């Protein structure tokens, strides 16, 4: 029986490389932290339909971490989680990550409710 493809996102490598070229980033150190802070402030406008008081993680932290992880090679939810764990200190330069690092299932659940 053939294994299913690990790739779960709709962007292929050419599209990701195009986006990185447009943004002028080749490696993670090239990402402008001020731009990420502005992105975070814009993402705070997203209506979070999760139950208040039962959420541990900010929705904008999850989205930004996911975007960056995908730009730098994440192909599934596990890769996103690993990326965030490996770059935790760097991410905390512009994200609070107040709830710590979400588990793999949290990324999947949050993206399933974003419309």
N, C-alpha and C. Protein backbone atom coordinates (compact mmCIF):
# COMPACT_ATOMS: atom_id res chain seq x y z
N UNK A 1 0.84 -1.17 0.00
CA UNK A 1 0.00 0.00 0.00
C UNK A 1 0.89 1.25 0.00
N UNK A 2 0.61 2.16 -0.90
CA UNK A 2 1.41 3.37 -1.02
C UNK A 2 1.12 4.32 0.13
N UNK A 3 2.17 4.95 0.63
CA UNK A 3 2.01 5.94 1.70
C UNK A 3 1.44 7.22 1.12
N UNK A 4 0.54 7.86 1.82
CA UNK A 4 0.01 9.14 1.33
C UNK A 4 1.11 10.19 1.36
N UNK A 5 0.98 11.17 0.49
CA UNK A 5 1.95 12.26 0.44
C UNK A 5 1.95 13.00 1.77
N UNK A 6 3.14 13.37 2.23
CA UNK A 6 3.25 14.11 3.49
C UNK A 6 2.76 15.55 3.31
N UNK A 7 2.85 16.06 2.10
CA UNK A 7 2.50 17.45 1.83
C UNK A 7 1.01 17.67 2.07
N UNK A 8 0.68 18.59 2.94
CA UNK A 8 -0.72 18.84 3.26
C UNK A 8 -1.16 20.26 2.92
N UNK A 9 -0.26 21.09 2.47
CA UNK A 9 -0.61 22.46 2.17
C UNK A 9 -0.65 22.65 0.66
N UNK A 10 -1.40 23.65 0.22
CA UNK A 10 -1.63 23.83 -1.20
C UNK A 10 -0.50 24.54 -1.94
N UNK A 11 0.47 25.08 -1.24
CA UNK A 11 1.57 25.77 -1.90
C UNK A 11 2.65 24.77 -2.30
N UNK A 12 3.13 24.90 -3.53
CA UNK A 12 4.26 24.06 -3.91
C UNK A 12 5.54 24.86 -3.73
N UNK A 13 6.66 24.22 -3.91
CA UNK A 13 7.96 24.85 -3.63
C UNK A 13 8.20 26.08 -4.50
N UNK A 14 7.71 26.06 -5.74
CA UNK A 14 7.89 27.24 -6.60
C UNK A 14 7.14 28.44 -6.05
N UNK A 15 5.92 28.20 -5.58
CA UNK A 15 5.14 29.29 -5.01
C UNK A 15 5.78 29.82 -3.73
N UNK A 16 6.26 28.93 -2.91
CA UNK A 16 6.92 29.35 -1.67
C UNK A 16 8.17 30.16 -1.99
N UNK A 17 8.97 29.69 -2.93
CA UNK A 17 10.18 30.44 -3.31
C UNK A 17 9.83 31.80 -3.90
N UNK A 18 8.74 31.87 -4.65
CA UNK A 18 8.29 33.15 -5.21
C UNK A 18 7.91 34.12 -4.09
N UNK A 19 7.17 33.64 -3.12
CA UNK A 19 6.77 34.49 -1.98
C UNK A 19 8.01 34.96 -1.22
N UNK A 20 8.95 34.05 -0.98
CA UNK A 20 10.17 34.43 -0.26
C UNK A 20 10.96 35.47 -1.05
N UNK A 21 10.99 35.32 -2.38
CA UNK A 21 11.70 36.30 -3.21
C UNK A 21 11.01 37.66 -3.13
N UNK A 22 9.68 37.67 -3.21
CA UNK A 22 8.94 38.93 -3.09
C UNK A 22 9.21 39.62 -1.76
N UNK A 23 9.31 38.83 -0.71
CA UNK A 23 9.54 39.37 0.63
C UNK A 23 11.01 39.66 0.90
N UNK A 24 11.88 39.20 0.00
CA UNK A 24 13.31 39.43 0.18
C UNK A 24 13.92 38.61 1.29
N UNK A 25 13.40 37.40 1.48
CA UNK A 25 13.94 36.54 2.53
C UNK A 25 14.45 35.23 1.93
N UNK A 26 15.61 34.84 2.40
CA UNK A 26 16.18 33.57 1.97
C UNK A 26 16.33 32.64 3.17
N UNK A 27 16.67 33.24 4.29
CA UNK A 27 16.81 32.44 5.52
C UNK A 27 16.04 33.16 6.63
N UNK A 28 15.80 32.46 7.68
CA UNK A 28 14.93 32.99 8.74
C UNK A 28 15.44 34.31 9.32
N UNK A 29 16.74 34.48 9.36
CA UNK A 29 17.31 35.72 9.90
C UNK A 29 16.96 36.93 9.04
N UNK A 30 16.53 36.69 7.78
CA UNK A 30 16.15 37.79 6.89
C UNK A 30 14.76 38.34 7.17
N UNK A 31 13.97 37.62 7.95
CA UNK A 31 12.61 38.06 8.23
C UNK A 31 12.65 39.30 9.11
N UNK A 32 11.97 40.34 8.66
CA UNK A 32 11.95 41.61 9.38
C UNK A 32 10.99 41.51 10.57
N UNK A 33 11.52 41.66 11.76
CA UNK A 33 10.71 41.51 12.97
C UNK A 33 9.65 42.60 13.09
N UNK A 34 9.96 43.80 12.62
CA UNK A 34 8.97 44.88 12.67
C UNK A 34 7.77 44.54 11.77
N UNK A 35 8.05 43.94 10.63
CA UNK A 35 6.97 43.51 9.74
C UNK A 35 6.12 42.44 10.41
N UNK A 36 6.76 41.53 11.12
CA UNK A 36 6.02 40.48 11.81
C UNK A 36 5.15 41.07 12.92
N UNK A 37 5.64 42.11 13.59
CA UNK A 37 4.83 42.77 14.62
C UNK A 37 3.61 43.45 14.00
N UNK A 38 3.81 44.07 12.82
CA UNK A 38 2.67 44.69 12.14
C UNK A 38 1.66 43.63 11.69
N UNK A 39 2.17 42.51 11.19
CA UNK A 39 1.30 41.42 10.79
C UNK A 39 0.49 40.92 11.99
N UNK A 40 1.17 40.78 13.12
CA UNK A 40 0.48 40.34 14.34
C UNK A 40 -0.65 41.30 14.69
N UNK A 41 -0.37 42.61 14.63
CA UNK A 41 -1.41 43.59 14.96
C UNK A 41 -2.59 43.50 14.00
N UNK A 42 -2.32 43.24 12.73
CA UNK A 42 -3.42 43.08 11.76
C UNK A 42 -4.19 41.79 12.02
N UNK A 43 -3.50 40.73 12.38
CA UNK A 43 -4.17 39.46 12.63
C UNK A 43 -5.02 39.49 13.90
N UNK A 44 -4.75 40.43 14.77
CA UNK A 44 -5.56 40.56 15.99
C UNK A 44 -7.00 40.93 15.65
N UNK A 45 -7.23 41.38 14.42
CA UNK A 45 -8.59 41.73 13.98
C UNK A 45 -9.42 40.50 13.63
N UNK A 46 -8.78 39.35 13.50
CA UNK A 46 -9.50 38.12 13.17
C UNK A 46 -10.41 37.76 14.33
N UNK A 47 -11.64 37.44 14.01
CA UNK A 47 -12.58 37.02 15.06
C UNK A 47 -12.24 35.59 15.46
N UNK A 48 -11.92 35.44 16.71
CA UNK A 48 -11.58 34.12 17.25
C UNK A 48 -12.86 33.52 17.83
N UNK A 49 -13.38 32.48 17.18
CA UNK A 49 -14.66 31.90 17.61
C UNK A 49 -14.48 30.82 18.67
N UNK A 50 -13.25 30.60 19.08
CA UNK A 50 -13.03 29.60 20.13
C UNK A 50 -13.62 30.10 21.45
N UNK A 51 -13.92 29.19 22.34
CA UNK A 51 -14.54 29.53 23.62
C UNK A 51 -13.55 30.32 24.48
N UNK A 52 -13.97 31.54 24.83
CA UNK A 52 -13.11 32.38 25.67
C UNK A 52 -12.89 31.70 27.02
N UNK A 53 -11.69 31.80 27.53
CA UNK A 53 -11.36 31.18 28.80
C UNK A 53 -10.92 29.73 28.67
N UNK A 54 -11.13 29.16 27.48
CA UNK A 54 -10.71 27.78 27.26
C UNK A 54 -9.61 27.71 26.20
N UNK A 55 -9.11 28.86 25.82
CA UNK A 55 -8.03 28.89 24.83
C UNK A 55 -6.73 29.26 25.53
N UNK A 56 -5.73 28.55 25.21
CA UNK A 56 -4.42 28.76 25.83
C UNK A 56 -3.51 29.60 24.92
N UNK A 57 -3.76 29.54 23.61
CA UNK A 57 -2.87 30.17 22.64
C UNK A 57 -3.58 31.26 21.86
N UNK A 58 -2.86 32.33 21.59
CA UNK A 58 -3.40 33.42 20.78
C UNK A 58 -3.48 32.95 19.33
N UNK A 59 -4.61 33.25 18.69
CA UNK A 59 -4.81 32.79 17.32
C UNK A 59 -3.77 33.40 16.38
N UNK A 60 -3.37 34.66 16.63
CA UNK A 60 -2.39 35.29 15.75
C UNK A 60 -1.01 34.65 15.91
N UNK A 61 -0.67 34.19 17.10
CA UNK A 61 0.60 33.48 17.27
C UNK A 61 0.61 32.20 16.43
N UNK A 62 -0.50 31.48 16.45
CA UNK A 62 -0.60 30.23 15.70
C UNK A 62 -0.49 30.49 14.20
N UNK A 63 -1.16 31.53 13.72
CA UNK A 63 -1.14 31.83 12.29
C UNK A 63 0.25 32.27 11.84
N UNK A 64 0.86 33.19 12.57
CA UNK A 64 2.19 33.68 12.18
C UNK A 64 3.22 32.55 12.22
N UNK A 65 3.20 31.76 13.27
CA UNK A 65 4.14 30.63 13.35
C UNK A 65 3.94 29.69 12.17
N UNK A 66 2.70 29.46 11.79
CA UNK A 66 2.41 28.55 10.68
C UNK A 66 2.89 29.11 9.35
N UNK A 67 2.64 30.40 9.12
CA UNK A 67 3.09 31.03 7.88
C UNK A 67 4.61 30.93 7.76
N UNK A 68 5.30 31.30 8.82
CA UNK A 68 6.77 31.25 8.78
C UNK A 68 7.27 29.82 8.60
N UNK A 69 6.67 28.89 9.30
CA UNK A 69 7.10 27.49 9.19
C UNK A 69 6.93 26.98 7.76
N UNK A 70 5.81 27.31 7.13
CA UNK A 70 5.58 26.87 5.75
C UNK A 70 6.57 27.52 4.81
N UNK A 71 6.85 28.80 5.01
CA UNK A 71 7.85 29.47 4.16
C UNK A 71 9.22 28.83 4.27
N UNK A 72 9.50 28.23 5.42
CA UNK A 72 10.81 27.62 5.62
C UNK A 72 10.75 26.10 5.63
N UNK A 73 9.79 25.55 4.89
CA UNK A 73 9.83 24.14 4.57
C UNK A 73 8.85 23.21 5.26
N UNK A 74 8.04 23.72 6.19
CA UNK A 74 7.08 22.84 6.85
C UNK A 74 6.09 22.29 5.83
N UNK A 75 5.85 21.00 5.93
CA UNK A 75 4.94 20.35 5.00
C UNK A 75 3.70 19.79 5.67
N UNK A 76 3.67 19.79 6.97
CA UNK A 76 2.49 19.29 7.69
C UNK A 76 2.47 19.90 9.09
N UNK A 77 1.45 19.56 9.85
CA UNK A 77 1.29 20.14 11.18
C UNK A 77 2.46 19.80 12.10
N UNK A 78 2.98 18.60 11.98
CA UNK A 78 4.13 18.19 12.81
C UNK A 78 5.35 19.05 12.51
N UNK A 79 5.55 19.34 11.21
CA UNK A 79 6.67 20.20 10.82
C UNK A 79 6.52 21.60 11.40
N UNK A 80 5.29 22.11 11.41
CA UNK A 80 5.05 23.44 11.98
C UNK A 80 5.42 23.43 13.46
N UNK A 81 4.96 22.44 14.16
CA UNK A 81 5.27 22.32 15.59
C UNK A 81 6.78 22.25 15.81
N UNK A 82 7.46 21.44 15.03
CA UNK A 82 8.92 21.31 15.16
C UNK A 82 9.62 22.63 14.88
N UNK A 83 9.16 23.34 13.84
CA UNK A 83 9.74 24.64 13.49
C UNK A 83 9.63 25.60 14.68
N UNK A 84 8.45 25.66 15.27
CA UNK A 84 8.23 26.58 16.39
C UNK A 84 9.10 26.19 17.59
N UNK A 85 9.19 24.91 17.87
CA UNK A 85 10.06 24.48 18.97
C UNK A 85 11.51 24.86 18.71
N UNK A 86 11.96 24.67 17.47
CA UNK A 86 13.36 24.94 17.13
C UNK A 86 13.68 26.43 17.06
N UNK A 87 12.67 27.27 16.85
CA UNK A 87 12.90 28.72 16.70
C UNK A 87 12.19 29.53 17.78
N UNK A 88 11.88 28.90 18.87
CA UNK A 88 11.14 29.52 19.97
C UNK A 88 11.74 30.86 20.41
N UNK A 89 13.02 30.91 20.67
CA UNK A 89 13.65 32.14 21.16
C UNK A 89 13.53 33.26 20.13
N UNK A 90 13.76 32.93 18.87
CA UNK A 90 13.67 33.93 17.80
C UNK A 90 12.23 34.42 17.67
N UNK A 91 11.26 33.52 17.70
CA UNK A 91 9.85 33.90 17.58
C UNK A 91 9.41 34.79 18.73
N UNK A 92 9.98 34.58 19.89
CA UNK A 92 9.61 35.39 21.06
C UNK A 92 10.11 36.83 20.96
N UNK A 93 10.92 37.12 19.96
CA UNK A 93 11.35 38.50 19.76
C UNK A 93 10.20 39.37 19.23
N UNK A 94 9.16 38.76 18.67
CA UNK A 94 8.02 39.54 18.19
C UNK A 94 6.66 38.91 18.53
N UNK A 95 6.66 37.71 19.10
CA UNK A 95 5.43 37.07 19.57
C UNK A 95 5.58 36.76 21.06
N UNK A 96 4.51 36.86 21.79
CA UNK A 96 4.60 36.54 23.22
C UNK A 96 4.59 35.05 23.48
N UNK A 97 3.87 34.29 22.66
CA UNK A 97 3.72 32.84 22.87
C UNK A 97 3.37 32.57 24.34
N UNK A 98 2.39 33.33 24.82
CA UNK A 98 2.03 33.28 26.24
C UNK A 98 1.61 31.89 26.71
N UNK A 99 1.01 31.12 25.84
CA UNK A 99 0.58 29.78 26.23
C UNK A 99 1.63 28.73 26.01
N UNK A 100 2.81 29.16 25.59
CA UNK A 100 3.86 28.20 25.24
C UNK A 100 3.74 27.81 23.78
N UNK A 101 4.11 26.60 23.46
CA UNK A 101 4.07 26.12 22.08
C UNK A 101 2.89 25.16 21.93
N UNK A 102 2.00 25.47 20.99
CA UNK A 102 0.84 24.59 20.79
C UNK A 102 1.26 23.19 20.32
N UNK A 103 0.43 22.22 20.67
CA UNK A 103 0.68 20.87 20.18
C UNK A 103 0.23 20.78 18.72
N UNK A 104 0.60 19.72 18.07
CA UNK A 104 0.30 19.52 16.65
C UNK A 104 -1.20 19.65 16.38
N UNK A 105 -2.02 19.03 17.20
CA UNK A 105 -3.48 19.05 17.00
C UNK A 105 -4.06 20.45 17.12
N UNK A 106 -3.45 21.31 17.91
CA UNK A 106 -3.95 22.68 18.06
C UNK A 106 -3.83 23.43 16.75
N UNK A 107 -2.70 23.30 16.06
CA UNK A 107 -2.56 23.96 14.75
C UNK A 107 -3.66 23.49 13.81
N UNK A 108 -3.86 22.20 13.77
CA UNK A 108 -4.86 21.63 12.88
C UNK A 108 -6.27 22.12 13.24
N UNK A 109 -6.60 22.13 14.51
CA UNK A 109 -7.94 22.58 14.95
C UNK A 109 -8.17 24.05 14.63
N UNK A 110 -7.17 24.89 14.91
CA UNK A 110 -7.34 26.32 14.66
C UNK A 110 -7.56 26.59 13.18
N UNK A 111 -6.78 25.94 12.33
CA UNK A 111 -6.95 26.18 10.90
C UNK A 111 -8.25 25.60 10.37
N UNK A 112 -8.80 24.63 11.05
CA UNK A 112 -10.08 24.07 10.60
C UNK A 112 -11.24 25.03 10.86
N UNK A 113 -11.07 25.98 11.79
CA UNK A 113 -12.16 26.93 12.08
C UNK A 113 -11.98 28.27 11.38
N UNK A 114 -10.83 28.51 10.78
CA UNK A 114 -10.61 29.78 10.09
C UNK A 114 -11.32 29.71 8.75
N UNK A 115 -12.15 30.71 8.50
CA UNK A 115 -12.92 30.73 7.26
C UNK A 115 -12.37 31.80 6.34
